[in-house]
């Protein structure tokens, strides 16, 4: 992992082959991070994956937030497509 805007990658977690998940706890709330993966097997280490999209750390149990200033009544007909975008609250 690396903090957004920095150059140095830090090894933060290892997941055994039987578990595809690794838990990263060495992050600070409100900061943005990028992640990449390196596979390890008998042949050695792979090249790092492309970096992930930037992820902002937030409290685990953050209450939902709805910005009501942009809400409007919308009427659609049966069979029409409705698209609703959900985003993150700015910190």
C-alpha atoms as a PDB file:
ATOM      1  CA  UNK A   1       0.000   0.000   0.000  1.00  0.00           C
ATOM      2  CA  UNK A   2       0.998   3.618  -0.336  1.00  0.00           C
ATOM      3  CA  UNK A   3      -0.569   6.866   0.732  1.00  0.00           C
ATOM      4  CA  UNK A   4      -1.836   9.005  -2.136  1.00  0.00           C
ATOM      5  CA  UNK A   5       0.832  11.429  -3.316  1.00  0.00           C
ATOM      6  CA  UNK A   6       3.752   9.410  -1.940  1.00  0.00           C
ATOM      7  CA  UNK A   7       6.182   7.203  -3.851  1.00  0.00           C
ATOM      8  CA  UNK A   8       7.070   4.447  -1.379  1.00  0.00           C
ATOM      9  CA  UNK A   9       5.088   1.206  -1.285  1.00  0.00           C
ATOM     10  CA  UNK A  10       4.780  -0.523   2.112  1.00  0.00           C
ATOM     11  CA  UNK A  11       4.236  -4.275   2.668  1.00  0.00           C
ATOM     12  CA  UNK A  12       1.205  -4.344   4.978  1.00  0.00           C
ATOM     13  CA  UNK A  13      -0.421  -7.779   4.789  1.00  0.00           C
ATOM     14  CA  UNK A  14       0.028 -11.373   3.709  1.00  0.00           C
ATOM     15  CA  UNK A  15      -2.822 -13.731   2.848  1.00  0.00           C
ATOM     16  CA  UNK A  16      -2.209 -17.491   2.797  1.00  0.00           C
ATOM     17  CA  UNK A  17      -3.134 -19.315  -0.410  1.00  0.00           C
ATOM     18  CA  UNK A  18      -6.242 -20.786   1.228  1.00  0.00           C
ATOM     19  CA  UNK A  19      -7.645 -17.297   1.984  1.00  0.00           C
ATOM     20  CA  UNK A  20      -8.001 -14.641  -0.727  1.00  0.00           C
ATOM     21  CA  UNK A  21      -8.436 -11.907   1.885  1.00  0.00           C
ATOM     22  CA  UNK A  22      -5.901  -9.920   3.880  1.00  0.00           C
ATOM     23  CA  UNK A  23      -6.741  -7.394   6.579  1.00  0.00           C
ATOM     24  CA  UNK A  24      -4.934  -4.033   6.527  1.00  0.00           C
ATOM     25  CA  UNK A  25      -5.055  -2.136   9.810  1.00  0.00           C
ATOM     26  CA  UNK A  26      -2.112   0.281   9.486  1.00  0.00           C
ATOM     27  CA  UNK A  27      -4.148   3.143   8.003  1.00  0.00           C
ATOM     28  CA  UNK A  28      -5.142   6.563   9.288  1.00  0.00           C
ATOM     29  CA  UNK A  29      -8.736   7.779   9.113  1.00  0.00           C
ATOM     30  CA  UNK A  30      -9.437  10.377   6.440  1.00  0.00           C
ATOM     31  CA  UNK A  31      -6.392   9.564   4.299  1.00  0.00           C
ATOM     32  CA  UNK A  32      -6.358   8.093   0.793  1.00  0.00           C
ATOM     33  CA  UNK A  33      -4.447   4.949  -0.113  1.00  0.00           C
ATOM     34  CA  UNK A  34      -3.667   2.805  -3.152  1.00  0.00           C
ATOM     35  CA  UNK A  35      -3.050  -0.932  -3.011  1.00  0.00           C
ATOM     36  CA  UNK A  36      -1.397  -3.527  -5.212  1.00  0.00           C
ATOM     37  CA  UNK A  37      -0.834  -7.275  -4.949  1.00  0.00           C
ATOM     38  CA  UNK A  38       2.226  -9.478  -5.417  1.00  0.00           C
ATOM     39  CA  UNK A  39       1.666 -13.226  -5.783  1.00  0.00           C
ATOM     40  CA  UNK A  40       4.223 -15.555  -4.220  1.00  0.00           C
ATOM     41  CA  UNK A  41       4.733 -19.206  -5.164  1.00  0.00           C
ATOM     42  CA  UNK A  42       7.562 -21.725  -5.625  1.00  0.00           C
ATOM     43  CA  UNK A  43       8.782 -19.803  -8.680  1.00  0.00           C
ATOM     44  CA  UNK A  44       9.185 -16.625  -6.621  1.00  0.00           C
ATOM     45  CA  UNK A  45       7.424 -13.265  -6.514  1.00  0.00           C
ATOM     46  CA  UNK A  46       5.299 -11.926  -9.353  1.00  0.00           C
ATOM     47  CA  UNK A  47       5.467  -8.393 -10.640  1.00  0.00           C
ATOM     48  CA  UNK A  48       3.162  -6.075  -8.643  1.00  0.00           C
ATOM     49  CA  UNK A  49      -0.373  -5.664  -9.965  1.00  0.00           C
ATOM     50  CA  UNK A  50      -1.509  -2.314 -11.287  1.00  0.00           C
ATOM     51  CA  UNK A  51      -2.402  -0.001  -8.390  1.00  0.00           C
ATOM     52  CA  UNK A  52      -6.005   0.001  -7.215  1.00  0.00           C
ATOM     53  CA  UNK A  53      -8.183   3.066  -7.412  1.00  0.00           C
ATOM     54  CA  UNK A  54      -7.607   5.411  -4.503  1.00  0.00           C
ATOM     55  CA  UNK A  55      -9.516   4.423  -1.360  1.00  0.00           C
ATOM     56  CA  UNK A  56     -10.380   6.901   1.407  1.00  0.00           C
ATOM     57  CA  UNK A  57     -10.429   5.450   4.908  1.00  0.00           C
ATOM     58  CA  UNK A  58     -13.515   6.143   6.991  1.00  0.00           C
ATOM     59  CA  UNK A  59     -14.859   4.947  10.332  1.00  0.00           C
ATOM     60  CA  UNK A  60     -16.170   1.380  10.118  1.00  0.00           C
ATOM     61  CA  UNK A  61     -19.649   2.224  11.408  1.00  0.00           C
ATOM     62  CA  UNK A  62     -20.250   5.552   9.690  1.00  0.00           C
ATOM     63  CA  UNK A  63     -23.939   6.479   9.706  1.00  0.00           C
ATOM     64  CA  UNK A  64     -25.626   6.852   6.301  1.00  0.00           C
ATOM     65  CA  UNK A  65     -25.962  10.385   4.995  1.00  0.00           C
ATOM     66  CA  UNK A  66     -28.460  11.725   2.447  1.00  0.00           C
ATOM     67  CA  UNK A  67     -27.897  15.153   0.916  1.00  0.00           C
ATOM     68  CA  UNK A  68     -31.509  16.308   0.693  1.00  0.00           C
ATOM     69  CA  UNK A  69     -30.838  19.616  -1.095  1.00  0.00           C
ATOM     70  CA  UNK A  70     -30.764  17.898  -4.505  1.00  0.00           C
ATOM     71  CA  UNK A  71     -33.775  15.634  -3.988  1.00  0.00           C
ATOM     72  CA  UNK A  72     -36.666  16.072  -6.399  1.00  0.00           C
ATOM     73  CA  UNK A  73     -39.828  14.181  -7.207  1.00  0.00           C
ATOM     74  CA  UNK A  74     -39.383  11.963 -10.251  1.00  0.00           C
ATOM     75  CA  UNK A  75     -42.247  10.313 -12.131  1.00  0.00           C
ATOM     76  CA  UNK A  76     -41.489   7.480 -14.534  1.00  0.00           C
ATOM     77  CA  UNK A  77     -43.665   5.136 -16.532  1.00  0.00           C
ATOM     78  CA  UNK A  78     -43.764   1.375 -16.202  1.00  0.00           C
ATOM     79  CA  UNK A  79     -40.856  -0.126 -18.104  1.00  0.00           C
ATOM     80  CA  UNK A  80     -38.768   3.069 -18.103  1.00  0.00           C
ATOM     81  CA  UNK A  81     -35.228   2.821 -16.783  1.00  0.00           C
ATOM     82  CA  UNK A  82     -34.397   4.656 -13.547  1.00  0.00           C
ATOM     83  CA  UNK A  83     -30.776   5.196 -12.575  1.00  0.00           C
ATOM     84  CA  UNK A  84     -29.850   6.347  -9.066  1.00  0.00           C
ATOM     85  CA  UNK A  85     -26.248   7.173  -8.237  1.00  0.00           C
ATOM     86  CA  UNK A  86     -24.989   6.684  -4.692  1.00  0.00           C
ATOM     87  CA  UNK A  87     -21.786   8.362  -3.579  1.00  0.00           C
ATOM     88  CA  UNK A  88     -19.680   8.919  -0.517  1.00  0.00           C
ATOM     89  CA  UNK A  89     -20.168  11.767   1.879  1.00  0.00           C
ATOM     90  CA  UNK A  90     -17.319  14.270   1.661  1.00  0.00           C
ATOM     91  CA  UNK A  91     -15.286  14.284   4.835  1.00  0.00           C
END
